C-alpha atoms as a PDB file:
ATOM      1  CA  MET A   1       5.352  18.479  -7.408  1.00  0.00           C
ATOM      2  CA  PRO A   2       2.117  19.793  -8.852  1.00  0.00           C
ATOM      3  CA  SER A   3      -1.189  18.040  -7.898  1.00  0.00           C
ATOM      4  CA  THR A   4      -1.916  15.022 -10.205  1.00  0.00           C
ATOM      5  CA  ASN A   5      -5.289  13.750 -11.056  1.00  0.00           C
ATOM      6  CA  VAL A   6      -6.090  10.076 -10.958  1.00  0.00           C
ATOM      7  CA  VAL A   7      -8.894   9.307 -13.273  1.00  0.00           C
ATOM      8  CA  LEU A   8     -11.292   6.428 -12.730  1.00  0.00           C
ATOM      9  CA  GLU A   9     -12.762   4.882 -15.882  1.00  0.00           C
ATOM     10  CA  ARG A  10     -15.351   2.239 -16.077  1.00  0.00           C
ATOM     11  CA  SER A  11     -15.591   0.119 -19.146  1.00  0.00           C
ATOM     12  CA  ALA A  12     -18.698  -1.633 -20.686  1.00  0.00           C
ATOM     13  CA  SER A  13     -17.771  -4.727 -18.687  1.00  0.00           C
ATOM     14  CA  GLU A  14     -17.786  -2.726 -15.454  1.00  0.00           C
ATOM     15  CA  THR A  15     -14.055  -3.276 -14.933  1.00  0.00           C
ATOM     16  CA  HIS A  16     -12.383  -0.547 -13.018  1.00  0.00           C
ATOM     17  CA  ARG A  17      -9.282   1.239 -14.325  1.00  0.00           C
ATOM     18  CA  PHE A  18      -7.280   4.007 -12.707  1.00  0.00           C
ATOM     19  CA  ASP A  19      -5.454   6.010 -15.247  1.00  0.00           C
ATOM     20  CA  PHE A  20      -2.730   8.518 -14.417  1.00  0.00           C
ATOM     21  CA  LYS A  21       0.618   9.599 -15.695  1.00  0.00           C
ATOM     22  CA  LEU A  22       3.570   8.014 -13.796  1.00  0.00           C
ATOM     23  CA  PRO A  23       6.471  10.451 -13.837  1.00  0.00           C
ATOM     24  CA  ARG A  24       9.799   8.823 -14.718  1.00  0.00           C
ATOM     25  CA  GLU A  25      11.395  10.152 -11.527  1.00  0.00           C
ATOM     26  CA  LEU A  26       9.008   8.158  -9.397  1.00  0.00           C
ATOM     27  CA  GLU A  27      10.144   4.838 -10.829  1.00  0.00           C
ATOM     28  CA  ALA A  28      12.516   3.398  -8.364  1.00  0.00           C
ATOM     29  CA  ALA A  29      15.748   2.546 -10.201  1.00  0.00           C
ATOM     30  CA  THR A  30      17.870   1.212  -7.350  1.00  0.00           C
ATOM     31  CA  PRO A  31      17.195  -0.978  -4.302  1.00  0.00           C
ATOM     32  CA  PRO A  32      16.636   0.867  -0.974  1.00  0.00           C
ATOM     33  CA  GLU A  33      19.752  -0.691   0.445  1.00  0.00           C
ATOM     34  CA  VAL A  34      21.755   1.030  -2.207  1.00  0.00           C
ATOM     35  CA  ARG A  35      20.113   4.441  -2.003  1.00  0.00           C
ATOM     36  CA  GLY A  36      19.459   4.173   1.700  1.00  0.00           C
ATOM     37  CA  THR A  37      20.408   2.177   4.811  1.00  0.00           C
ATOM     38  CA  GLY A  38      18.616  -1.124   4.155  1.00  0.00           C
ATOM     39  CA  ARG A  39      15.825  -2.896   2.334  1.00  0.00           C
ATOM     40  CA  ASP A  40      13.368  -1.641   4.891  1.00  0.00           C
ATOM     41  CA  ASP A  41      14.501   1.989   4.366  1.00  0.00           C
ATOM     42  CA  VAL A  42      11.318   2.820   2.324  1.00  0.00           C
ATOM     43  CA  ARG A  43       8.337   5.153   3.008  1.00  0.00           C
ATOM     44  CA  LEU A  44       5.000   3.848   4.101  1.00  0.00           C
ATOM     45  CA  LEU A  45       1.667   5.445   3.108  1.00  0.00           C
ATOM     46  CA  VAL A  46      -1.111   4.348   5.516  1.00  0.00           C
ATOM     47  CA  THR A  47      -4.664   4.577   4.248  1.00  0.00           C
ATOM     48  CA  THR A  48      -7.486   4.413   6.847  1.00  0.00           C
ATOM     49  CA  PRO A  49     -11.059   5.428   6.811  1.00  0.00           C
ATOM     50  CA  HIS A  50     -10.080   8.503   8.772  1.00  0.00           C
ATOM     51  CA  GLY A  51      -7.479   9.699   6.294  1.00  0.00           C
ATOM     52  CA  LEU A  52      -3.836   9.219   5.251  1.00  0.00           C
ATOM     53  CA  THR A  53      -0.609   8.981   7.259  1.00  0.00           C
ATOM     54  CA  HIS A  54       2.805   9.353   5.820  1.00  0.00           C
ATOM     55  CA  SER A  55       5.271   7.270   7.629  1.00  0.00           C
ATOM     56  CA  HIS A  56       8.197   4.806   7.272  1.00  0.00           C
ATOM     57  CA  PHE A  57       8.221   1.022   6.881  1.00  0.00           C
ATOM     58  CA  ARG A  58      10.215   0.586   9.982  1.00  0.00           C
ATOM     59  CA  ARG A  59       7.270   1.950  11.932  1.00  0.00           C
ATOM     60  CA  LEU A  60       4.901  -0.669  10.470  1.00  0.00           C
ATOM     61  CA  ARG A  61       4.256  -2.346  13.895  1.00  0.00           C
ATOM     62  CA  GLU A  62       2.844   0.897  15.214  1.00  0.00           C
ATOM     63  CA  PHE A  63      -0.142   0.569  12.911  1.00  0.00           C
ATOM     64  CA  LEU A  64      -0.797  -3.070  13.844  1.00  0.00           C
ATOM     65  CA  ASN A  65      -2.313  -4.684  16.943  1.00  0.00           C
ATOM     66  CA  PRO A  66      -1.366  -7.684  19.084  1.00  0.00           C
ATOM     67  CA  GLY A  67      -3.423 -10.573  17.711  1.00  0.00           C
ATOM     68  CA  ASP A  68      -3.236  -9.413  14.118  1.00  0.00           C
ATOM     69  CA  LEU A  69      -2.018 -11.799  11.539  1.00  0.00           C
ATOM     70  CA  ILE A  70       0.281 -11.052   8.626  1.00  0.00           C
ATOM     71  CA  VAL A  71       0.168 -13.436   5.766  1.00  0.00           C
ATOM     72  CA  LEU A  72       3.253 -13.626   3.458  1.00  0.00           C
ATOM     73  CA  ASN A  73       3.933 -15.305   0.156  1.00  0.00           C
ATOM     74  CA  ARG A  74       6.997 -17.545   0.566  1.00  0.00           C
ATOM     75  CA  SER A  75       7.474 -18.248  -3.180  1.00  0.00           C
ATOM     76  CA  ALA A  76      11.130 -17.651  -4.146  1.00  0.00           C
ATOM     77  CA  THR A  77      12.139 -15.848  -7.274  1.00  0.00           C
ATOM     78  CA  VAL A  78      14.032 -17.905 -10.015  1.00  0.00           C
ATOM     79  CA  PRO A  79      16.357 -16.469 -12.537  1.00  0.00           C
ATOM     80  CA  ALA A  80      13.744 -16.702 -15.369  1.00  0.00           C
ATOM     81  CA  ALA A  81      15.368 -14.579 -18.061  1.00  0.00           C
ATOM     82  CA  LEU A  82      17.256 -16.483 -20.790  1.00  0.00           C
ATOM     83  CA  GLU A  83      19.240 -15.349 -23.738  1.00  0.00           C
ATOM     84  CA  ALA A  84      17.865 -17.227 -26.698  1.00  0.00           C
ATOM     85  CA  HIS A  85      18.606 -17.100 -30.442  1.00  0.00           C
ATOM     86  CA  ARG A  86      16.539 -17.585 -33.546  1.00  0.00           C
ATOM     87  CA  ASP A  87      17.809 -19.682 -36.500  1.00  0.00           C
ATOM     88  CA  ASP A  88      19.301 -16.576 -38.019  1.00  0.00           C
ATOM     89  CA  HIS A  89      21.203 -16.009 -34.761  1.00  0.00           C
ATOM     90  CA  THR A  90      19.164 -12.973 -33.774  1.00  0.00           C
ATOM     91  CA  PRO A  91      19.026 -12.727 -29.950  1.00  0.00           C
ATOM     92  CA  VAL A  92      15.674 -12.977 -28.165  1.00  0.00           C
ATOM     93  CA  ARG A  93      15.146 -12.227 -24.519  1.00  0.00           C
ATOM     94  CA  LEU A  94      12.956 -15.110 -23.311  1.00  0.00           C
ATOM     95  CA  HIS A  95      11.119 -14.966 -20.009  1.00  0.00           C
ATOM     96  CA  ILE A  96      10.051 -18.294 -18.418  1.00  0.00           C
ATOM     97  CA  SER A  97       6.828 -17.338 -16.627  1.00  0.00           C
ATOM     98  CA  THR A  98       4.723 -20.179 -15.485  1.00  0.00           C
ATOM     99  CA  ARG A  99       5.297 -24.037 -15.448  1.00  0.00           C
ATOM    100  CA  LEU A 100       2.287 -25.969 -16.742  1.00  0.00           C
ATOM    101  CA  PRO A 101       1.408 -29.666 -16.622  1.00  0.00           C
ATOM    102  CA  ALA A 102       2.808 -32.062 -19.177  1.00  0.00           C
ATOM    103  CA  ASP A 103       6.201 -30.381 -19.362  1.00  0.00           C
ATOM    104  CA  LEU A 104       4.788 -27.242 -20.855  1.00  0.00           C
ATOM    105  CA  CYS A 105       5.251 -23.676 -19.771  1.00  0.00           C
ATOM    106  CA  ILE A 106       4.179 -20.132 -20.479  1.00  0.00           C
ATOM    107  CA  VAL A 107       6.931 -17.945 -21.929  1.00  0.00           C
ATOM    108  CA  GLU A 108       7.297 -14.370 -23.122  1.00  0.00           C
ATOM    109  CA  ALA A 109       9.509 -13.349 -25.984  1.00  0.00           C
ATOM    110  CA  TYR A 110      10.120  -9.924 -24.555  1.00  0.00           C
ATOM    111  CA  GLN A 111       9.365  -7.131 -26.961  1.00  0.00           C
ATOM    112  CA  THR A 112       9.823  -9.522 -29.952  1.00  0.00           C
ATOM    113  CA  ARG A 113       7.333 -10.824 -32.522  1.00  0.00           C
ATOM    114  CA  VAL A 114       7.687 -14.552 -32.859  1.00  0.00           C
ATOM    115  CA  ASN A 115       5.776 -17.208 -34.831  1.00  0.00           C
ATOM    116  CA  GLN A 116       3.914 -20.361 -34.064  1.00  0.00           C
ATOM    117  CA  PHE A 117       6.091 -23.493 -34.105  1.00  0.00           C
ATOM    118  CA  GLU A 118       9.203 -21.374 -34.167  1.00  0.00           C
ATOM    119  CA  ARG A 119      12.064 -22.917 -32.266  1.00  0.00           C
ATOM    120  CA  LEU A 120      14.493 -20.767 -30.212  1.00  0.00           C
ATOM    121  CA  ARG A 121      17.938 -22.043 -29.232  1.00  0.00           C
ATOM    122  CA  LEU A 122      18.771 -21.748 -25.521  1.00  0.00           C
ATOM    123  CA  PRO A 123      22.137 -21.870 -23.635  1.00  0.00           C
ATOM    124  CA  GLY A 124      23.733 -25.234 -22.964  1.00  0.00           C
ATOM    125  CA  GLY A 125      22.069 -26.992 -25.777  1.00  0.00           C
ATOM    126  CA  GLY A 126      18.492 -26.196 -24.728  1.00  0.00           C
ATOM    127  CA  LEU A 127      15.543 -25.559 -27.078  1.00  0.00           C
ATOM    128  CA  ALA A 128      12.235 -23.778 -26.734  1.00  0.00           C
ATOM    129  CA  GLU A 129       9.394 -24.641 -29.196  1.00  0.00           C
ATOM    130  CA  LEU A 130       6.549 -22.092 -29.356  1.00  0.00           C
ATOM    131  CA  LEU A 131       3.314 -24.086 -29.713  1.00  0.00           C
ATOM    132  CA  THR A 132       0.471 -21.647 -29.539  1.00  0.00           C
ATOM    133  CA  PRO A 133      -0.422 -18.211 -28.139  1.00  0.00           C
ATOM    134  CA  TYR A 134      -1.514 -18.379 -24.531  1.00  0.00           C
ATOM    135  CA  ARG A 135      -5.225 -17.573 -24.406  1.00  0.00           C
ATOM    136  CA  ASP A 136      -5.698 -14.401 -26.457  1.00  0.00           C
ATOM    137  CA  SER A 137      -2.410 -12.884 -25.366  1.00  0.00           C
ATOM    138  CA  ARG A 138      -0.254 -11.106 -28.015  1.00  0.00           C
ATOM    139  CA  ARG A 139       3.010 -11.745 -26.173  1.00  0.00           C
ATOM    140  CA  LEU A 140       2.684 -14.930 -24.067  1.00  0.00           C
ATOM    141  CA  TRP A 141       3.060 -18.401 -25.573  1.00  0.00           C
ATOM    142  CA  VAL A 142       2.667 -21.926 -24.457  1.00  0.00           C
ATOM    143  CA  ALA A 143       5.945 -23.573 -25.146  1.00  0.00           C
ATOM    144  CA  ARG A 144       7.787 -26.870 -24.766  1.00  0.00           C
ATOM    145  CA  LEU A 145      11.234 -26.728 -23.356  1.00  0.00           C
ATOM    146  CA  TYR A 146      13.913 -29.250 -24.148  1.00  0.00           C
ATOM    147  CA  LEU A 147      16.488 -28.869 -21.465  1.00  0.00           C
ATOM    148  CA  PRO A 148      19.604 -30.918 -20.464  1.00  0.00           C
ATOM    149  CA  CYS A 149      18.448 -30.975 -16.813  1.00  0.00           C
ATOM    150  CA  GLY A 150      15.611 -29.972 -14.581  1.00  0.00           C
ATOM    151  CA  MET A 151      13.975 -26.597 -14.916  1.00  0.00           C
ATOM    152  CA  ILE A 152      15.136 -25.002 -11.680  1.00  0.00           C
ATOM    153  CA  ALA A 153      18.708 -26.311 -12.034  1.00  0.00           C
ATOM    154  CA  TYR A 154      18.835 -25.136 -15.619  1.00  0.00           C
ATOM    155  CA  LEU A 155      17.670 -21.649 -14.719  1.00  0.00           C
ATOM    156  CA  GLY A 156      20.127 -21.578 -11.846  1.00  0.00           C
ATOM    157  CA  ARG A 157      22.898 -22.147 -14.254  1.00  0.00           C
ATOM    158  CA  TYR A 158      21.990 -20.122 -17.381  1.00  0.00           C
ATOM    159  CA  GLY A 159      19.269 -17.681 -16.254  1.00  0.00           C
ATOM    160  CA  ALA A 160      19.173 -14.134 -14.892  1.00  0.00           C
ATOM    161  CA  PRO A 161      16.614 -12.226 -12.919  1.00  0.00           C
ATOM    162  CA  ILE A 162      13.925 -10.585 -15.085  1.00  0.00           C
ATOM    163  CA  ARG A 163      14.898  -6.878 -15.206  1.00  0.00           C
ATOM    164  CA  TYR A 164      13.072  -3.934 -16.734  1.00  0.00           C
ATOM    165  CA  ARG A 165      14.273  -0.648 -18.138  1.00  0.00           C
ATOM    166  CA  HIS A 166      13.316   1.373 -14.998  1.00  0.00           C
ATOM    167  CA  THR A 167      16.210  -0.341 -13.050  1.00  0.00           C
ATOM    168  CA  SER A 168      19.695   1.244 -13.362  1.00  0.00           C
ATOM    169  CA  GLY A 169      21.853  -1.816 -12.710  1.00  0.00           C
ATOM    170  CA  GLU A 170      22.113  -5.556 -13.188  1.00  0.00           C
ATOM    171  CA  TRP A 171      21.346  -6.534  -9.645  1.00  0.00           C
ATOM    172  CA  GLY A 172      21.824 -10.128  -8.581  1.00  0.00           C
ATOM    173  CA  LEU A 173      19.096 -12.690  -7.802  1.00  0.00           C
ATOM    174  CA  GLN A 174      19.283 -12.032  -4.041  1.00  0.00           C
ATOM    175  CA  THR A 175      18.149  -8.494  -4.645  1.00  0.00           C
ATOM    176  CA  TYR A 176      14.996  -9.873  -6.145  1.00  0.00           C
ATOM    177  CA  GLN A 177      14.416 -12.262  -3.251  1.00  0.00           C
ATOM    178  CA  ASN A 178      12.360 -11.883  -0.098  1.00  0.00           C
ATOM    179  CA  VAL A 179      14.198 -12.842   3.084  1.00  0.00           C
ATOM    180  CA  PHE A 180      11.537 -15.330   4.043  1.00  0.00           C
ATOM    181  CA  ALA A 181      11.234 -16.973   0.612  1.00  0.00           C
ATOM    182  CA  GLU A 182      11.537 -20.758   0.541  1.00  0.00           C
ATOM    183  CA  THR A 183       9.940 -22.416  -2.451  1.00  0.00           C
ATOM    184  CA  PRO A 184      11.470 -21.497  -5.924  1.00  0.00           C
ATOM    185  CA  GLY A 185       8.878 -20.766  -8.583  1.00  0.00           C
ATOM    186  CA  SER A 186       8.107 -17.066  -9.191  1.00  0.00           C
ATOM    187  CA  ALA A 187       9.305 -15.420 -12.413  1.00  0.00           C
ATOM    188  CA  GLU A 188       9.063 -12.103 -10.758  1.00  0.00           C
ATOM    189  CA  MET A 189       9.400 -11.289  -7.104  1.00  0.00           C
ATOM    190  CA  PRO A 190       6.186 -10.985  -4.991  1.00  0.00           C
ATOM    191  CA  SER A 191       7.555  -7.571  -4.162  1.00  0.00           C
ATOM    192  CA  ALA A 192       5.194  -6.398  -1.433  1.00  0.00           C
ATOM    193  CA  GLY A 193       7.232  -8.450   1.007  1.00  0.00           C
ATOM    194  CA  ARG A 194      10.577  -7.056  -0.019  1.00  0.00           C
ATOM    195  CA  PRO A 195      11.020  -4.485   2.715  1.00  0.00           C
ATOM    196  CA  PHE A 196      10.728  -7.076   5.524  1.00  0.00           C
ATOM    197  CA  THR A 197      13.886  -8.060   7.259  1.00  0.00           C
ATOM    198  CA  HIS A 198      14.449 -10.869   9.747  1.00  0.00           C
ATOM    199  CA  GLU A 199      14.814  -8.224  12.480  1.00  0.00           C
ATOM    200  CA  GLY A 200      11.601  -6.482  11.463  1.00  0.00           C
ATOM    201  CA  LEU A 201       9.709  -9.747  11.562  1.00  0.00           C
ATOM    202  CA  ALA A 202      11.094 -10.522  14.974  1.00  0.00           C
ATOM    203  CA  LEU A 203       9.900  -7.211  16.284  1.00  0.00           C
ATOM    204  CA  LEU A 204       6.338  -7.942  14.982  1.00  0.00           C
ATOM    205  CA  ARG A 205       6.330 -11.247  16.815  1.00  0.00           C
ATOM    206  CA  GLU A 206       7.523  -9.479  19.983  1.00  0.00           C
ATOM    207  CA  ARG A 207       4.498  -7.183  19.688  1.00  0.00           C
ATOM    208  CA  GLY A 208       2.177 -10.206  19.451  1.00  0.00           C
ATOM    209  CA  ILE A 209       1.565 -10.068  15.765  1.00  0.00           C
ATOM    210  CA  ASP A 210       1.501 -13.488  14.284  1.00  0.00           C
ATOM    211  CA  THR A 211       2.718 -14.530  10.729  1.00  0.00           C
ATOM    212  CA  GLY A 212       1.377 -17.004   8.285  1.00  0.00           C
ATOM    213  CA  PHE A 213       2.471 -18.129   4.827  1.00  0.00           C
ATOM    214  CA  VAL A 214       1.005 -19.099   1.571  1.00  0.00           C
ATOM    215  CA  THR A 215       2.769 -19.900  -1.701  1.00  0.00           C
ATOM    216  CA  LEU A 216       1.756 -18.432  -5.058  1.00  0.00           C
ATOM    217  CA  HIS A 217       4.232 -18.555  -7.924  1.00  0.00           C
ATOM    218  CA  ALA A 218       3.924 -15.202  -9.748  1.00  0.00           C
ATOM    219  CA  GLY A 219       4.502 -15.175 -13.413  1.00  0.00           C
ATOM    220  CA  VAL A 220       5.578 -12.205 -15.579  1.00  0.00           C
ATOM    221  CA  SER A 221       3.819  -9.008 -14.831  1.00  0.00           C
ATOM    222  CA  SER A 222       0.883  -9.153 -17.325  1.00  0.00           C
ATOM    223  CA  PRO A 223      -1.583  -7.480 -14.982  1.00  0.00           C
ATOM    224  CA  GLU A 224       0.606  -4.360 -15.204  1.00  0.00           C
ATOM    225  CA  ARG A 225      -0.068  -4.175 -18.920  1.00  0.00           C
ATOM    226  CA  ASP A 226      -3.887  -3.804 -18.828  1.00  0.00           C
ATOM    227  CA  GLU A 227      -4.262  -7.631 -19.152  1.00  0.00           C
ATOM    228  CA  PRO A 228      -6.229  -9.785 -16.690  1.00  0.00           C
ATOM    229  CA  PRO A 229      -4.264 -12.170 -14.400  1.00  0.00           C
ATOM    230  CA  TYR A 230      -3.784 -15.688 -15.734  1.00  0.00           C
ATOM    231  CA  GLU A 231      -3.551 -18.984 -13.932  1.00  0.00           C
ATOM    232  CA  GLU A 232      -0.891 -19.271 -11.241  1.00  0.00           C
ATOM    233  CA  ARG A 233      -0.084 -22.189  -8.967  1.00  0.00           C
ATOM    234  CA  TYR A 234      -0.835 -21.682  -5.257  1.00  0.00           C
ATOM    235  CA  GLU A 235      -0.943 -23.485  -1.907  1.00  0.00           C
ATOM    236  CA  VAL A 236      -2.598 -22.514   1.336  1.00  0.00           C
ATOM    237  CA  PRO A 237      -1.278 -24.856   4.109  1.00  0.00           C
ATOM    238  CA  ALA A 238      -3.478 -26.058   6.982  1.00  0.00           C
ATOM    239  CA  GLU A 239      -1.574 -24.074   9.587  1.00  0.00           C
ATOM    240  CA  THR A 240      -2.224 -20.829   7.703  1.00  0.00           C
ATOM    241  CA  ALA A 241      -5.848 -21.550   7.318  1.00  0.00           C
ATOM    242  CA  LEU A 242      -6.057 -22.263  10.960  1.00  0.00           C
ATOM    243  CA  ALA A 243      -4.216 -19.030  11.776  1.00  0.00           C
ATOM    244  CA  VAL A 244      -6.674 -17.032   9.835  1.00  0.00           C
ATOM    245  CA  THR A 245      -9.593 -18.601  11.672  1.00  0.00           C
ATOM    246  CA  ARG A 246      -7.874 -18.088  14.948  1.00  0.00           C
ATOM    247  CA  ALA A 247      -7.148 -14.413  14.299  1.00  0.00           C
ATOM    248  CA  ARG A 248     -10.764 -13.825  13.252  1.00  0.00           C
ATOM    249  CA  ARG A 249     -12.172 -15.615  16.288  1.00  0.00           C
ATOM    250  CA  ASN A 250      -9.966 -13.669  18.662  1.00  0.00           C
ATOM    251  CA  GLY A 251     -10.795 -10.272  17.068  1.00  0.00           C
ATOM    252  CA  GLY A 252      -7.488  -9.831  15.154  1.00  0.00           C
ATOM    253  CA  ARG A 253      -7.145  -8.516  11.706  1.00  0.00           C
ATOM    254  CA  VAL A 254      -5.764 -10.503   8.723  1.00  0.00           C
ATOM    255  CA  ILE A 255      -3.286  -8.392   6.797  1.00  0.00           C
ATOM    256  CA  ALA A 256      -2.256  -9.771   3.378  1.00  0.00           C
ATOM    257  CA  VAL A 257       1.230  -8.878   2.206  1.00  0.00           C
ATOM    258  CA  GLY A 258       0.647  -8.400  -1.561  1.00  0.00           C
ATOM    259  CA  THR A 259      -2.035  -9.051  -3.990  1.00  0.00           C
ATOM    260  CA  THR A 260      -0.740 -12.654  -4.564  1.00  0.00           C
ATOM    261  CA  VAL A 261      -1.598 -13.483  -0.969  1.00  0.00           C
ATOM    262  CA  VAL A 262      -5.210 -12.177  -1.462  1.00  0.00           C
ATOM    263  CA  ARG A 263      -5.577 -14.305  -4.604  1.00  0.00           C
ATOM    264  CA  ALA A 264      -4.368 -17.390  -2.809  1.00  0.00           C
ATOM    265  CA  LEU A 265      -6.634 -16.951   0.263  1.00  0.00           C
ATOM    266  CA  GLU A 266      -9.680 -16.024  -1.751  1.00  0.00           C
ATOM    267  CA  SER A 267      -9.117 -19.133  -3.857  1.00  0.00           C
ATOM    268  CA  SER A 268      -9.154 -21.255  -0.784  1.00  0.00           C
ATOM    269  CA  LEU A 269     -12.672 -20.505   0.461  1.00  0.00           C
ATOM    270  CA  ASP A 270     -15.132 -23.353   1.249  1.00  0.00           C
ATOM    271  CA  ALA A 271     -18.852 -23.153   0.637  1.00  0.00           C
ATOM    272  CA  ARG A 272     -19.246 -21.091   3.947  1.00  0.00           C
ATOM    273  CA  ASP A 273     -16.598 -18.641   2.952  1.00  0.00           C
ATOM    274  CA  ARG A 274     -14.023 -20.031   5.418  1.00  0.00           C
ATOM    275  CA  VAL A 275     -10.337 -20.279   4.503  1.00  0.00           C
ATOM    276  CA  VAL A 276      -9.357 -23.985   4.296  1.00  0.00           C
ATOM    277  CA  ALA A 277      -6.160 -25.688   3.281  1.00  0.00           C
ATOM    278  CA  SER A 278      -6.008 -26.084  -0.570  1.00  0.00           C
ATOM    279  CA  GLN A 279      -3.735 -26.077  -3.529  1.00  0.00           C
ATOM    280  CA  GLY A 280      -4.137 -25.814  -7.268  1.00  0.00           C
ATOM    281  CA  TRP A 281      -4.388 -23.246  -9.950  1.00  0.00           C
ATOM    282  CA  THR A 282      -6.133 -19.885  -9.739  1.00  0.00           C
ATOM    283  CA  ASP A 283      -7.153 -17.291 -12.284  1.00  0.00           C
ATOM    284  CA  LEU A 284      -9.245 -15.375  -9.779  1.00  0.00           C
ATOM    285  CA  VAL A 285      -9.780 -11.639 -10.424  1.00  0.00           C
ATOM    286  CA  VAL A 286     -10.788  -9.691  -7.322  1.00  0.00           C
ATOM    287  CA  THR A 287     -12.963  -6.672  -8.153  1.00  0.00           C
ATOM    288  CA  PRO A 288     -15.157  -4.375  -6.088  1.00  0.00           C
ATOM    289  CA  GLU A 289     -18.249  -6.211  -7.451  1.00  0.00           C
ATOM    290  CA  ARG A 290     -16.921  -9.555  -6.178  1.00  0.00           C
ATOM    291  CA  GLY A 291     -15.504  -8.231  -2.855  1.00  0.00           C
ATOM    292  CA  VAL A 292     -13.148  -9.962  -0.451  1.00  0.00           C
ATOM    293  CA  CYS A 293     -13.899 -12.456   2.323  1.00  0.00           C
ATOM    294  CA  THR A 294     -10.516 -13.430   3.713  1.00  0.00           C
ATOM    295  CA  VAL A 295      -8.535 -10.311   4.580  1.00  0.00           C
ATOM    296  CA  ASP A 296      -9.122  -7.125   6.465  1.00  0.00           C
ATOM    297  CA  ALA A 297      -6.121  -5.137   5.225  1.00  0.00           C
ATOM    298  CA  LEU A 298      -3.374  -5.128   2.513  1.00  0.00           C
ATOM    299  CA  LEU A 299       0.228  -4.148   2.558  1.00  0.00           C
ATOM    300  CA  THR A 300       1.370  -3.658  -1.064  1.00  0.00           C
ATOM    301  CA  GLY A 301       3.347  -1.442  -3.327  1.00  0.00           C
ATOM    302  CA  PHE A 302       2.106   1.097  -5.830  1.00  0.00           C
ATOM    303  CA  HIS A 303       0.687  -0.318  -9.036  1.00  0.00           C
ATOM    304  CA  GLU A 304       0.979   1.059 -12.521  1.00  0.00           C
ATOM    305  CA  PRO A 305      -1.724   3.003 -14.395  1.00  0.00           C
ATOM    306  CA  ARG A 306      -4.648   0.913 -15.563  1.00  0.00           C
ATOM    307  CA  SER A 307      -3.397  -2.132 -13.592  1.00  0.00           C
ATOM    308  CA  SER A 308      -5.986  -4.751 -12.798  1.00  0.00           C
ATOM    309  CA  HIS A 309      -4.456  -4.960  -9.246  1.00  0.00           C
ATOM    310  CA  ILE A 310      -6.066  -1.661  -8.353  1.00  0.00           C
ATOM    311  CA  ALA A 311      -9.497  -3.238  -8.678  1.00  0.00           C
ATOM    312  CA  MET A 312      -8.445  -5.433  -5.710  1.00  0.00           C
ATOM    313  CA  LEU A 313      -7.469  -2.405  -3.688  1.00  0.00           C
ATOM    314  CA  GLU A 314     -10.806  -0.921  -4.362  1.00  0.00           C
ATOM    315  CA  ALA A 315     -12.521  -4.098  -3.286  1.00  0.00           C
ATOM    316  CA  ILE A 316     -10.740  -3.736   0.075  1.00  0.00           C
ATOM    317  CA  ALA A 317     -10.902  -0.039   0.704  1.00  0.00           C
ATOM    318  CA  GLY A 318     -13.392   1.494  -1.677  1.00  0.00           C
ATOM    319  CA  THR A 319     -12.838   3.505  -4.817  1.00  0.00           C
ATOM    320  CA  GLU A 320     -12.741   6.960  -3.212  1.00  0.00           C
ATOM    321  CA  ARG A 321     -10.050   6.042  -0.605  1.00  0.00           C
ATOM    322  CA  ILE A 322      -7.812   4.456  -3.251  1.00  0.00           C
ATOM    323  CA  GLN A 323      -8.133   7.308  -5.615  1.00  0.00           C
ATOM    324  CA  THR A 324      -7.290   9.714  -2.809  1.00  0.00           C
ATOM    325  CA  ALA A 325      -4.361   7.600  -1.831  1.00  0.00           C
ATOM    326  CA  TYR A 326      -2.900   7.499  -5.313  1.00  0.00           C
ATOM    327  CA  GLU A 327      -3.285  11.239  -5.736  1.00  0.00           C
ATOM    328  CA  ALA A 328      -1.332  11.736  -2.401  1.00  0.00           C
ATOM    329  CA  ALA A 329       1.347   9.192  -3.428  1.00  0.00           C
ATOM    330  CA  LEU A 330       1.968  11.084  -6.697  1.00  0.00           C
ATOM    331  CA  ASP A 331       1.887  14.529  -5.078  1.00  0.00           C
ATOM    332  CA  ASN A 332       4.367  13.362  -2.326  1.00  0.00           C
ATOM    333  CA  ALA A 333       6.749  11.595  -4.664  1.00  0.00           C
ATOM    334  CA  TYR A 334       6.364   7.975  -3.468  1.00  0.00           C
ATOM    335  CA  LEU A 335       8.310   5.469  -5.471  1.00  0.00           C
ATOM    336  CA  TRP A 336       6.840   2.755  -7.753  1.00  0.00           C
ATOM    337  CA  HIS A 337       7.948  -0.747  -8.742  1.00  0.00           C
ATOM    338  CA  GLU A 338       9.778  -3.569  -6.893  1.00  0.00           C
ATOM    339  CA  PHE A 339      12.264  -1.256  -5.266  1.00  0.00           C
ATOM    340  CA  GLY A 340       9.729   1.366  -4.412  1.00  0.00           C
ATOM    341  CA  ASP A 341       7.704   2.476  -1.334  1.00  0.00           C
ATOM    342  CA  SER A 342       4.938   0.558   0.510  1.00  0.00           C
ATOM    343  CA  HIS A 343       1.143   1.232   1.045  1.00  0.00           C
ATOM    344  CA  LEU A 344      -0.711  -0.127   4.013  1.00  0.00           C
ATOM    345  CA  ILE A 345      -4.486  -0.193   3.520  1.00  0.00           C
ATOM    346  CA  LEU A 346      -6.312  -0.614   6.824  1.00  0.00           C
ATOM    347  CA  PRO A 347     -10.015  -1.258   7.475  1.00  0.00           C
END
């Protein structure tokens, strides 16, 4: 594949944007367990201050040290896509993104223009009333849902996983679930943790690498569309805050698995920049100007052109290293999206 330029732009607001053309053939269309031998059968690009290493996810532990701490997001994916209908019976693909207080939620009428106060009929006698656009979004709405039962139970009966055009099959919910997921709430899988298996986690523990957990319920992927992240519910438990403190005290590194983990930990800092137990809502945007206090390294996937997630990568590793890494990923045909390859960014 010919060399590909990754162009860094800076807007008037000093927000970083990487722009590049993502070839269609680099969009992972099938899960690695279908095209390979297991969900951990993906490539691993390792970025360090000394250069790049092309490796495999099953060799992850070789790049980590005893005493390091890996922090994972245990939010479980819910089947958040519903087949709705307008009054004229036109079908609308409705994505249930984020649950809000007062029985409200954020929804996306996928690739469909809808109107304020419009009502969409849902399966099983449910109803969605679109109240107002969410913030200044042109595609997200605050809605009130009228359902015959609780949200999680209703989606479990009538919903399907959110799927996009780059996938080549209607894979079931377990395909969009991390093996360590526990608490239902994410509209889309926190996919950085997808390559982990129970066996792989056990091998990390055998090497003396600890694991900790946070919960951040990810909504629909607006940051992948040149939009800033919006509020998402998170929790950092006391045992994870203590694990971060212990790793740092003993000289270990804190490795976040996914940008959602970084957002949760960075939202849990006290006045002395220490991670403490907390829960609530966060709309934090991590940029190079802000920097990071809580993590030393990041295990993530590859993000789309102009994604706000890449600013977080820059904050951890610096602009030049991330630009070099993305050029290498494109030139070496790494795969993007939730079924794609992994990127380990080390200090």
